[in-house]
Amino acid sequence: MMQVKDVMSTNVQSCSVNDDLRKVASIMQSSDIGSMPILENNQVVGMITDRDMVIRGLTNGTANDTIQTIMTNNVVTISPDASLEEAGQLMAQNQIRRLPVVEGGNLVGMISLGDLAIREQANENAGQALTQISKHDFS
């Protein structure tokens, strides 16, 4: 059975709770990514998406505000030893497309719905998760 560590990305961009919106936006732009884990002492304490930055950041703050003011605090994470099925279920249950992979409290990677979809054995799980997530995107 394939595990999260078999398909996760290990070269993960992250930012600090003290980084401002401008710096985080710059990292996202240069890395061509739409979300990032936020770390404090290599522990995942939040997640931020480009959508969060536009919706929460532009309506509630300025580009100089720290990311901590708009990040999502209750982050769903997964172990590198978890099955791909577990990852797909977590994504569907929580309506998310990316999970930080945490081992011993530290960030070791990221797994996305796309990572699941590429793997033949996981196609069904990814398809189910995407169906569940997509149902709620535009309602």
N, C-alpha and C. Protein backbone atom coordinates (compact mmCIF):
# COMPACT_ATOMS: atom_id res chain seq x y z
N MET A 1 0.85 -1.19 0.00
CA MET A 1 0.00 0.00 0.00
C MET A 1 0.89 1.25 0.00
N MET A 2 0.58 2.17 -0.89
CA MET A 2 1.38 3.39 -0.97
C MET A 2 1.05 4.31 0.20
N GLN A 3 2.09 5.01 0.62
CA GLN A 3 1.96 5.93 1.76
C GLN A 3 2.19 7.36 1.29
N VAL A 4 1.80 8.28 2.15
CA VAL A 4 1.96 9.71 1.87
C VAL A 4 3.41 10.01 1.49
N LYS A 5 4.38 9.43 2.20
CA LYS A 5 5.79 9.74 1.93
C LYS A 5 6.23 9.32 0.53
N ASP A 6 5.46 8.43 -0.12
CA ASP A 6 5.81 7.98 -1.47
C ASP A 6 5.47 9.01 -2.54
N VAL A 7 4.55 9.92 -2.24
CA VAL A 7 4.11 10.88 -3.27
C VAL A 7 4.23 12.34 -2.85
N MET A 8 4.54 12.61 -1.58
CA MET A 8 4.56 13.99 -1.10
C MET A 8 5.72 14.79 -1.70
N SER A 9 5.55 16.10 -1.73
CA SER A 9 6.63 17.00 -2.13
C SER A 9 7.46 17.28 -0.89
N THR A 10 8.77 17.28 -1.04
CA THR A 10 9.63 17.53 0.12
C THR A 10 10.27 18.91 0.07
N ASN A 11 10.26 19.53 -1.11
CA ASN A 11 10.83 20.87 -1.24
C ASN A 11 9.70 21.87 -1.03
N VAL A 12 9.38 22.13 0.24
CA VAL A 12 8.20 22.92 0.58
C VAL A 12 8.57 24.35 0.94
N GLN A 13 7.92 25.29 0.28
CA GLN A 13 8.08 26.69 0.65
C GLN A 13 7.23 26.94 1.89
N SER A 14 7.75 27.72 2.82
CA SER A 14 6.97 28.06 4.00
C SER A 14 7.32 29.49 4.40
N CYS A 15 6.55 30.00 5.34
CA CYS A 15 6.83 31.33 5.85
C CYS A 15 6.67 31.33 7.36
N SER A 16 7.05 32.42 7.98
CA SER A 16 7.00 32.57 9.43
C SER A 16 5.77 33.39 9.81
N VAL A 17 5.29 33.17 11.03
CA VAL A 17 4.15 33.95 11.52
C VAL A 17 4.42 35.45 11.50
N ASN A 18 5.67 35.83 11.54
CA ASN A 18 6.03 37.25 11.59
C ASN A 18 6.23 37.88 10.21
N ASP A 19 6.18 37.07 9.14
CA ASP A 19 6.33 37.63 7.79
C ASP A 19 5.10 38.46 7.45
N ASP A 20 5.32 39.54 6.69
CA ASP A 20 4.18 40.36 6.30
C ASP A 20 3.57 39.84 5.00
N LEU A 21 2.37 40.32 4.71
CA LEU A 21 1.64 39.87 3.53
C LEU A 21 2.42 40.07 2.24
N ARG A 22 3.13 41.18 2.16
CA ARG A 22 3.90 41.48 0.95
C ARG A 22 4.97 40.40 0.71
N LYS A 23 5.69 40.02 1.77
CA LYS A 23 6.75 39.01 1.64
C LYS A 23 6.15 37.66 1.25
N VAL A 24 5.04 37.28 1.89
CA VAL A 24 4.40 35.99 1.60
C VAL A 24 3.90 35.97 0.16
N ALA A 25 3.28 37.06 -0.29
CA ALA A 25 2.80 37.15 -1.67
C ALA A 25 3.96 37.02 -2.65
N SER A 26 5.09 37.61 -2.31
CA SER A 26 6.27 37.55 -3.17
C SER A 26 6.79 36.11 -3.28
N ILE A 27 6.82 35.39 -2.15
CA ILE A 27 7.27 33.99 -2.16
C ILE A 27 6.32 33.15 -3.02
N MET A 28 5.00 33.37 -2.83
CA MET A 28 4.02 32.62 -3.61
C MET A 28 4.18 32.89 -5.10
N GLN A 29 4.38 34.15 -5.45
CA GLN A 29 4.52 34.51 -6.86
C GLN A 29 5.78 33.88 -7.46
N SER A 30 6.90 34.00 -6.78
CA SER A 30 8.14 33.49 -7.35
C SER A 30 8.17 31.96 -7.38
N SER A 31 7.44 31.31 -6.48
CA SER A 31 7.40 29.85 -6.44
C SER A 31 6.22 29.28 -7.22
N ASP A 32 5.34 30.16 -7.72
CA ASP A 32 4.15 29.76 -8.45
C ASP A 32 3.29 28.78 -7.65
N ILE A 33 2.99 29.18 -6.40
CA ILE A 33 2.16 28.35 -5.53
C ILE A 33 1.02 29.19 -4.97
N GLY A 34 -0.05 28.52 -4.54
CA GLY A 34 -1.22 29.23 -4.05
C GLY A 34 -1.47 29.07 -2.56
N SER A 35 -0.65 28.27 -1.90
CA SER A 35 -0.80 28.12 -0.45
C SER A 35 0.54 27.73 0.16
N MET A 36 0.66 28.06 1.44
CA MET A 36 1.90 27.77 2.16
C MET A 36 1.62 27.49 3.62
N PRO A 37 2.40 26.56 4.19
CA PRO A 37 2.32 26.39 5.64
C PRO A 37 3.07 27.52 6.33
N ILE A 38 2.60 27.87 7.51
CA ILE A 38 3.24 28.91 8.31
C ILE A 38 3.87 28.22 9.51
N LEU A 39 5.16 28.49 9.70
CA LEU A 39 5.91 27.79 10.73
C LEU A 39 6.37 28.70 11.85
N GLU A 40 6.47 28.09 13.01
CA GLU A 40 7.11 28.72 14.16
C GLU A 40 7.95 27.62 14.78
N ASN A 41 9.27 27.79 14.78
CA ASN A 41 10.21 26.75 15.25
C ASN A 41 9.99 25.43 14.51
N ASN A 42 9.82 25.51 13.20
CA ASN A 42 9.59 24.37 12.31
C ASN A 42 8.31 23.58 12.61
N GLN A 43 7.45 24.13 13.47
CA GLN A 43 6.15 23.52 13.75
C GLN A 43 5.11 24.24 12.90
N VAL A 44 4.21 23.48 12.30
CA VAL A 44 3.15 24.08 11.50
C VAL A 44 2.11 24.70 12.44
N VAL A 45 1.97 26.02 12.36
CA VAL A 45 1.01 26.71 13.23
C VAL A 45 -0.13 27.33 12.42
N GLY A 46 -0.01 27.28 11.09
CA GLY A 46 -1.06 27.85 10.26
C GLY A 46 -0.86 27.52 8.80
N MET A 47 -1.87 27.89 8.01
CA MET A 47 -1.80 27.78 6.55
C MET A 47 -2.31 29.09 5.99
N ILE A 48 -1.78 29.46 4.84
CA ILE A 48 -2.25 30.67 4.17
C ILE A 48 -2.41 30.35 2.69
N THR A 49 -3.48 30.85 2.11
CA THR A 49 -3.69 30.68 0.67
C THR A 49 -3.73 32.05 0.03
N ASP A 50 -3.54 32.05 -1.28
CA ASP A 50 -3.63 33.32 -2.00
C ASP A 50 -5.04 33.91 -1.83
N ARG A 51 -6.03 33.05 -1.76
CA ARG A 51 -7.41 33.51 -1.56
C ARG A 51 -7.57 34.16 -0.19
N ASP A 52 -6.98 33.55 0.86
CA ASP A 52 -7.02 34.15 2.20
C ASP A 52 -6.44 35.55 2.16
N MET A 53 -5.33 35.69 1.43
CA MET A 53 -4.65 36.98 1.39
C MET A 53 -5.52 38.04 0.73
N VAL A 54 -6.23 37.65 -0.32
CA VAL A 54 -7.10 38.61 -1.01
C VAL A 54 -8.34 38.90 -0.17
N ILE A 55 -9.02 37.84 0.25
CA ILE A 55 -10.30 38.03 0.95
C ILE A 55 -10.10 38.63 2.34
N ARG A 56 -9.24 38.00 3.15
CA ARG A 56 -9.04 38.49 4.52
C ARG A 56 -8.04 39.63 4.59
N GLY A 57 -6.97 39.50 3.82
CA GLY A 57 -5.89 40.48 3.89
C GLY A 57 -6.28 41.84 3.37
N LEU A 58 -6.89 41.87 2.19
CA LEU A 58 -7.23 43.16 1.60
C LEU A 58 -8.45 43.81 2.25
N THR A 59 -9.31 43.00 2.84
CA THR A 59 -10.50 43.59 3.46
C THR A 59 -10.25 43.98 4.92
N ASN A 60 -9.29 43.31 5.56
CA ASN A 60 -9.08 43.55 6.99
C ASN A 60 -7.75 44.16 7.35
N GLY A 61 -6.87 44.37 6.40
CA GLY A 61 -5.55 44.83 6.80
C GLY A 61 -4.79 45.50 5.68
N THR A 62 -3.48 45.52 5.85
CA THR A 62 -2.59 46.12 4.85
C THR A 62 -1.48 45.14 4.51
N ALA A 63 -0.73 45.45 3.47
CA ALA A 63 0.36 44.59 3.03
C ALA A 63 1.46 44.49 4.08
N ASN A 64 1.47 45.40 5.04
CA ASN A 64 2.50 45.37 6.08
C ASN A 64 2.09 44.56 7.30
N ASP A 65 0.83 44.11 7.35
CA ASP A 65 0.39 43.28 8.47
C ASP A 65 1.08 41.93 8.43
N THR A 66 1.26 41.32 9.61
CA THR A 66 1.86 39.99 9.63
C THR A 66 0.83 38.96 9.17
N ILE A 67 1.33 37.90 8.63
CA ILE A 67 0.49 36.84 8.10
C ILE A 67 -0.33 36.19 9.21
N GLN A 68 0.16 36.28 10.43
CA GLN A 68 -0.50 35.68 11.58
C GLN A 68 -1.94 36.20 11.74
N THR A 69 -2.17 37.43 11.31
CA THR A 69 -3.50 38.03 11.49
C THR A 69 -4.56 37.44 10.56
N ILE A 70 -4.13 36.80 9.46
CA ILE A 70 -5.13 36.28 8.50
C ILE A 70 -4.99 34.79 8.21
N MET A 71 -3.99 34.13 8.79
CA MET A 71 -3.78 32.72 8.50
C MET A 71 -4.89 31.85 9.11
N THR A 72 -5.03 30.66 8.57
CA THR A 72 -5.92 29.66 9.14
C THR A 72 -5.15 28.98 10.26
N ASN A 73 -5.73 28.96 11.45
CA ASN A 73 -5.02 28.41 12.60
C ASN A 73 -5.19 26.91 12.79
N ASN A 74 -6.38 26.41 12.55
CA ASN A 74 -6.63 24.99 12.79
C ASN A 74 -6.22 24.18 11.57
N VAL A 75 -4.95 23.81 11.54
CA VAL A 75 -4.39 23.16 10.37
C VAL A 75 -4.53 21.64 10.48
N VAL A 76 -5.06 21.04 9.43
CA VAL A 76 -5.16 19.59 9.36
C VAL A 76 -3.84 19.10 8.77
N THR A 77 -3.18 18.18 9.45
CA THR A 77 -1.91 17.63 8.97
C THR A 77 -2.03 16.12 8.87
N ILE A 78 -1.01 15.51 8.28
CA ILE A 78 -0.99 14.06 8.12
C ILE A 78 0.43 13.54 8.31
N SER A 79 0.54 12.30 8.71
CA SER A 79 1.83 11.65 8.91
C SER A 79 2.36 11.11 7.58
N PRO A 80 3.69 11.08 7.41
CA PRO A 80 4.25 10.51 6.18
C PRO A 80 3.93 9.02 6.03
N ASP A 81 3.63 8.37 7.14
CA ASP A 81 3.34 6.93 7.11
C ASP A 81 1.86 6.62 6.86
N ALA A 82 1.02 7.65 6.77
CA ALA A 82 -0.40 7.44 6.52
C ALA A 82 -0.60 6.92 5.09
N SER A 83 -1.70 6.22 4.87
CA SER A 83 -2.00 5.72 3.52
C SER A 83 -2.55 6.86 2.66
N LEU A 84 -2.48 6.66 1.35
CA LEU A 84 -3.03 7.65 0.43
C LEU A 84 -4.54 7.73 0.60
N GLU A 85 -5.14 6.62 0.97
CA GLU A 85 -6.59 6.61 1.21
C GLU A 85 -6.93 7.54 2.37
N GLU A 86 -6.12 7.47 3.45
CA GLU A 86 -6.35 8.37 4.60
C GLU A 86 -6.21 9.82 4.17
N ALA A 87 -5.21 10.12 3.34
CA ALA A 87 -4.99 11.49 2.87
C ALA A 87 -6.21 11.97 2.09
N GLY A 88 -6.71 11.13 1.19
CA GLY A 88 -7.88 11.49 0.40
C GLY A 88 -9.11 11.72 1.27
N GLN A 89 -9.27 10.88 2.28
CA GLN A 89 -10.41 11.03 3.19
C GLN A 89 -10.31 12.33 3.99
N LEU A 90 -9.11 12.64 4.49
CA LEU A 90 -8.91 13.88 5.25
C LEU A 90 -9.21 15.11 4.39
N MET A 91 -8.75 15.07 3.14
CA MET A 91 -8.99 16.20 2.24
C MET A 91 -10.48 16.37 1.99
N ALA A 92 -11.18 15.26 1.75
CA ALA A 92 -12.61 15.34 1.48
C ALA A 92 -13.37 15.82 2.71
N GLN A 93 -13.06 15.25 3.87
CA GLN A 93 -13.76 15.62 5.11
C GLN A 93 -13.59 17.09 5.44
N ASN A 94 -12.40 17.62 5.18
CA ASN A 94 -12.08 18.99 5.57
C ASN A 94 -12.17 20.00 4.43
N GLN A 95 -12.57 19.51 3.24
CA GLN A 95 -12.72 20.40 2.08
C GLN A 95 -11.43 21.16 1.76
N ILE A 96 -10.32 20.43 1.75
CA ILE A 96 -9.03 21.04 1.44
C ILE A 96 -8.31 20.26 0.37
N ARG A 97 -7.41 20.93 -0.33
CA ARG A 97 -6.69 20.31 -1.44
C ARG A 97 -5.24 19.98 -1.10
N ARG A 98 -4.75 20.48 0.03
CA ARG A 98 -3.35 20.26 0.41
C ARG A 98 -3.24 19.98 1.90
N LEU A 99 -2.32 19.06 2.23
CA LEU A 99 -2.07 18.72 3.64
C LEU A 99 -0.59 18.84 3.94
N PRO A 100 -0.23 19.58 4.98
CA PRO A 100 1.16 19.54 5.43
C PRO A 100 1.44 18.15 6.01
N VAL A 101 2.61 17.61 5.71
CA VAL A 101 3.01 16.31 6.22
C VAL A 101 3.96 16.56 7.40
N VAL A 102 3.56 16.06 8.56
CA VAL A 102 4.28 16.36 9.80
C VAL A 102 4.75 15.07 10.46
N GLU A 103 6.02 15.08 10.86
CA GLU A 103 6.60 13.93 11.57
C GLU A 103 7.36 14.45 12.78
N GLY A 104 7.05 13.92 13.94
CA GLY A 104 7.71 14.38 15.16
C GLY A 104 7.48 15.85 15.41
N GLY A 105 6.32 16.36 14.98
CA GLY A 105 6.00 17.77 15.18
C GLY A 105 6.57 18.70 14.13
N ASN A 106 7.45 18.19 13.26
CA ASN A 106 8.11 19.04 12.26
C ASN A 106 7.56 18.81 10.85
N LEU A 107 7.52 19.88 10.07
CA LEU A 107 7.08 19.81 8.68
C LEU A 107 8.12 19.04 7.86
N VAL A 108 7.68 17.98 7.17
CA VAL A 108 8.60 17.21 6.34
C VAL A 108 8.18 17.18 4.87
N GLY A 109 6.97 17.70 4.58
CA GLY A 109 6.52 17.70 3.20
C GLY A 109 5.10 18.23 3.07
N MET A 110 4.59 18.17 1.84
CA MET A 110 3.21 18.55 1.54
C MET A 110 2.67 17.51 0.58
N ILE A 111 1.39 17.22 0.72
CA ILE A 111 0.73 16.34 -0.25
C ILE A 111 -0.51 17.07 -0.74
N SER A 112 -0.73 16.99 -2.04
CA SER A 112 -1.87 17.69 -2.63
C SER A 112 -2.79 16.70 -3.30
N LEU A 113 -3.97 17.15 -3.61
CA LEU A 113 -4.93 16.34 -4.33
C LEU A 113 -4.31 15.89 -5.65
N GLY A 114 -3.54 16.76 -6.26
CA GLY A 114 -2.85 16.41 -7.51
C GLY A 114 -1.87 15.27 -7.33
N ASP A 115 -1.17 15.24 -6.18
CA ASP A 115 -0.24 14.14 -5.91
C ASP A 115 -0.99 12.81 -5.87
N LEU A 116 -2.19 12.85 -5.28
CA LEU A 116 -3.00 11.63 -5.21
C LEU A 116 -3.48 11.22 -6.59
N ALA A 117 -3.88 12.20 -7.38
CA ALA A 117 -4.45 11.92 -8.69
C ALA A 117 -3.44 11.32 -9.65
N ILE A 118 -2.17 11.63 -9.50
CA ILE A 118 -1.15 11.12 -10.43
C ILE A 118 -0.93 9.63 -10.23
N ARG A 119 -1.13 9.17 -9.02
CA ARG A 119 -0.88 7.76 -8.72
C ARG A 119 -2.08 6.90 -9.10
N GLU A 120 -1.83 5.94 -9.96
CA GLU A 120 -2.92 5.11 -10.45
C GLU A 120 -3.72 4.46 -9.32
N GLN A 121 -3.03 3.93 -8.32
CA GLN A 121 -3.72 3.25 -7.23
C GLN A 121 -4.57 4.21 -6.42
N ALA A 122 -4.27 5.49 -6.52
CA ALA A 122 -4.98 6.47 -5.71
C ALA A 122 -6.04 7.23 -6.51
N ASN A 123 -6.15 6.95 -7.80
CA ASN A 123 -7.08 7.71 -8.63
C ASN A 123 -8.49 7.74 -8.07
N GLU A 124 -8.94 6.61 -7.59
CA GLU A 124 -10.30 6.55 -7.07
C GLU A 124 -10.44 7.44 -5.84
N ASN A 125 -9.45 7.40 -4.93
CA ASN A 125 -9.49 8.24 -3.72
C ASN A 125 -9.47 9.71 -4.09
N ALA A 126 -8.59 10.08 -5.00
CA ALA A 126 -8.48 11.48 -5.41
C ALA A 126 -9.76 11.93 -6.09
N GLY A 127 -10.30 11.06 -6.92
CA GLY A 127 -11.55 11.39 -7.61
C GLY A 127 -12.68 11.62 -6.63
N GLN A 128 -12.76 10.76 -5.62
CA GLN A 128 -13.80 10.92 -4.61
C GLN A 128 -13.59 12.21 -3.82
N ALA A 129 -12.34 12.47 -3.44
CA ALA A 129 -12.05 13.69 -2.67
C ALA A 129 -12.38 14.92 -3.50
N LEU A 130 -11.97 14.92 -4.77
CA LEU A 130 -12.23 16.07 -5.64
C LEU A 130 -13.73 16.29 -5.82
N THR A 131 -14.45 15.20 -5.99
CA THR A 131 -15.92 15.31 -6.12
C THR A 131 -16.51 15.95 -4.88
N GLN A 132 -16.07 15.50 -3.70
CA GLN A 132 -16.59 16.04 -2.44
C GLN A 132 -16.22 17.51 -2.28
N ILE A 133 -14.97 17.85 -2.62
CA ILE A 133 -14.51 19.23 -2.47
C ILE A 133 -15.21 20.13 -3.47
N SER A 134 -15.30 19.67 -4.73
CA SER A 134 -15.87 20.48 -5.78
C SER A 134 -17.35 20.77 -5.56
N LYS A 135 -18.05 19.87 -4.92
CA LYS A 135 -19.47 20.08 -4.65
C LYS A 135 -19.68 21.34 -3.85
N HIS A 136 -18.70 21.67 -3.02
CA HIS A 136 -18.88 22.79 -2.09
C HIS A 136 -18.22 24.09 -2.56
N ASP A 137 -17.47 24.03 -3.65
CA ASP A 137 -16.74 25.21 -4.08
C ASP A 137 -17.63 26.36 -4.54
N PHE A 138 -18.71 26.05 -5.23
CA PHE A 138 -19.46 27.12 -5.88
C PHE A 138 -20.90 27.20 -5.39
N SER A 139 -21.19 26.52 -4.28
CA SER A 139 -22.59 26.53 -3.82
C SER A 139 -22.88 27.76 -2.98
